Amino acid sequence: MIPFRVYVARIMSMRPCNKCLENSWKFKKIENLIFAECNMCSNEVSFEAGKKRKMENPGDKCKTCGIPVVLKESKFKKEKLQKRYYYTHVLWCWKCKKMYISEKYRVAKPPVDFVNSKIKRFPNGDIQLVDAD
């Protein structure tokens, strides 16, 4: 996650002060407002903090180009299925090819209990953990 000061500095980085035309700001955030004060001339500017939009459903607008995104099934490779979690579907913009993942489509594997399990060995060298019950 980007720290607040860095995030605001990115927004204000191309906007110089109206009075002295310098680009040197000091920021404060109070509730939903951001107050910026010029370090050179003490000119104050305030604006509303932007809200992050979450992409949850197909049909939501793409953050880059504004086209509605579509639901696309993920490609399941062997390496992906061996990880602790994977996503069954992604939200995809067909125009700019940007992909968004949503926690709604996340599948997490249960943690492995190494203490109460036995190792089963196969002739081809693979191993599998089996419950001791």
Protein backbone atom coordinates (compact mmCIF):
# COMPACT_ATOMS: atom_id res chain seq x y z
CA MET A 1 0.00 0.00 0.00
CA ILE A 2 1.28 3.46 -0.87
CA PRO A 3 1.83 5.78 2.11
CA PHE A 4 -0.57 8.73 2.28
CA ARG A 5 2.11 11.39 1.72
CA VAL A 6 3.45 9.65 -1.38
CA TYR A 7 -0.09 9.13 -2.74
CA VAL A 8 -1.01 12.81 -2.31
CA ALA A 9 2.36 13.94 -3.64
CA ARG A 10 1.68 11.97 -6.83
CA ILE A 11 -1.64 13.76 -7.25
CA MET A 12 -0.18 17.21 -6.60
CA SER A 13 3.19 16.67 -8.27
CA MET A 14 2.27 18.48 -11.48
CA ARG A 15 0.28 21.29 -9.87
CA PRO A 16 2.37 24.32 -8.83
CA CYS A 17 1.22 26.94 -6.34
CA ASN A 18 -1.03 29.67 -7.81
CA LYS A 19 0.86 32.49 -6.04
CA CYS A 20 4.55 31.67 -6.21
CA LEU A 21 4.53 28.96 -8.95
CA GLU A 22 6.64 26.63 -6.79
CA ASN A 23 5.88 22.96 -6.36
CA SER A 24 6.66 22.48 -2.68
CA TRP A 25 3.68 21.32 -0.58
CA LYS A 26 2.95 20.22 3.00
CA PHE A 27 -0.14 17.99 3.41
CA LYS A 28 -2.70 17.33 6.17
CA LYS A 29 -5.72 15.03 6.00
CA ILE A 30 -8.76 15.76 8.17
CA GLU A 31 -11.64 13.31 7.66
CA ASN A 32 -12.36 13.31 3.91
CA LEU A 33 -10.55 16.59 3.11
CA ILE A 34 -6.92 17.08 2.18
CA PHE A 35 -5.31 20.42 3.04
CA ALA A 36 -2.15 21.40 1.17
CA GLU A 37 -0.01 24.35 2.22
CA CYS A 38 2.76 25.80 0.06
CA ASN A 39 6.10 25.76 1.87
CA MET A 40 7.25 28.96 0.14
CA CYS A 41 4.30 31.37 0.41
CA SER A 42 1.90 29.58 2.83
CA ASN A 43 -0.91 29.48 0.26
CA GLU A 44 -3.54 26.91 1.32
CA VAL A 45 -5.51 24.65 -1.01
CA SER A 46 -8.09 22.03 0.01
CA PHE A 47 -9.79 19.27 -1.93
CA GLU A 48 -11.69 16.04 -1.29
CA ALA A 49 -9.79 12.79 -0.97
CA GLY A 50 -10.55 10.39 -3.78
CA LYS A 51 -12.22 7.08 -3.02
CA LYS A 52 -10.80 3.83 -4.34
CA ARG A 53 -13.24 2.02 -6.57
CA LYS A 54 -13.40 -1.73 -6.15
CA MET A 55 -14.07 -3.92 -9.13
CA GLU A 56 -16.48 -6.57 -7.86
CA ASN A 57 -18.99 -7.41 -10.59
CA PRO A 58 -19.01 -7.85 -14.35
CA GLY A 59 -20.34 -4.69 -15.94
CA ASP A 60 -18.41 -2.31 -13.66
CA LYS A 61 -16.53 0.39 -15.57
CA CYS A 62 -12.81 -0.12 -16.25
CA LYS A 63 -10.64 2.31 -14.28
CA THR A 64 -8.44 3.00 -17.31
CA CYS A 65 -10.78 3.34 -20.27
CA GLY A 66 -14.34 3.27 -18.85
CA ILE A 67 -15.57 0.24 -20.84
CA PRO A 68 -17.64 -2.34 -18.86
CA VAL A 69 -15.51 -5.31 -17.78
CA VAL A 70 -16.45 -8.92 -18.47
CA LEU A 71 -16.06 -12.05 -16.34
CA LYS A 72 -13.38 -14.38 -17.69
CA GLU A 73 -12.50 -17.83 -16.37
CA SER A 74 -8.91 -18.25 -15.20
CA LYS A 75 -6.58 -20.71 -16.87
CA PHE A 76 -5.75 -23.47 -14.40
CA LYS A 77 -2.17 -24.63 -14.63
CA LYS A 78 -0.60 -27.22 -12.34
CA GLU A 79 1.62 -24.58 -10.65
CA LYS A 80 -1.36 -22.35 -9.92
CA LEU A 81 -3.36 -25.14 -8.25
CA GLN A 82 -0.44 -25.99 -5.94
CA LYS A 83 -0.35 -22.50 -4.38
CA ARG A 84 -2.14 -21.58 -1.14
CA TYR A 85 -4.87 -19.73 -3.05
CA TYR A 86 -5.93 -19.02 -6.61
CA TYR A 87 -8.70 -17.15 -8.42
CA THR A 88 -11.36 -18.99 -10.41
CA HIS A 89 -12.40 -15.92 -12.43
CA VAL A 90 -11.01 -12.48 -13.25
CA LEU A 91 -12.69 -9.30 -14.44
CA TRP A 92 -11.22 -8.36 -17.82
CA CYS A 93 -11.46 -5.27 -20.02
CA TRP A 94 -11.46 -6.27 -23.66
CA LYS A 95 -10.37 -2.82 -24.87
CA CYS A 96 -7.26 -2.06 -22.79
CA LYS A 97 -6.66 -5.73 -21.76
CA LYS A 98 -6.44 -4.87 -18.05
CA MET A 99 -7.31 -7.59 -15.53
CA TYR A 100 -8.89 -7.03 -12.11
CA ILE A 101 -9.05 -9.70 -9.41
CA SER A 102 -11.80 -9.82 -6.83
CA GLU A 103 -11.79 -11.55 -3.45
CA LYS A 104 -15.20 -12.96 -4.37
CA TYR A 105 -13.52 -15.39 -6.80
CA ARG A 106 -10.62 -16.37 -4.51
CA VAL A 107 -10.28 -20.03 -3.51
CA ALA A 108 -8.05 -20.72 -0.50
CA LYS A 109 -6.75 -24.14 0.40
CA PRO A 110 -7.03 -25.24 4.02
CA PRO A 111 -3.74 -25.20 5.92
CA VAL A 112 -1.84 -28.48 6.10
CA ASP A 113 -1.54 -30.13 9.53
CA PHE A 114 1.98 -31.57 9.48
CA VAL A 115 1.79 -32.86 13.05
CA ASN A 116 -1.22 -35.17 12.58
CA SER A 117 -0.50 -36.41 9.06
CA LYS A 118 1.54 -39.19 7.49
CA ILE A 119 3.57 -39.03 4.30
CA LYS A 120 2.50 -41.38 1.53
CA ARG A 121 5.20 -42.03 -1.08
CA PHE A 122 4.44 -43.03 -4.68
CA PRO A 123 6.72 -45.08 -6.99
CA ASN A 124 7.26 -42.11 -9.33
CA GLY A 125 8.75 -40.04 -6.46
CA ASP A 126 5.69 -37.92 -5.61
CA ILE A 127 4.62 -37.54 -1.99
CA GLN A 128 1.24 -36.81 -0.44
CA LEU A 129 0.20 -35.91 3.11
CA VAL A 130 -2.53 -38.19 4.46
CA ASP A 131 -4.47 -37.69 7.70
CA ALA A 132 -3.31 -40.03 10.46
CA ASP A 133 -6.89 -40.98 11.44
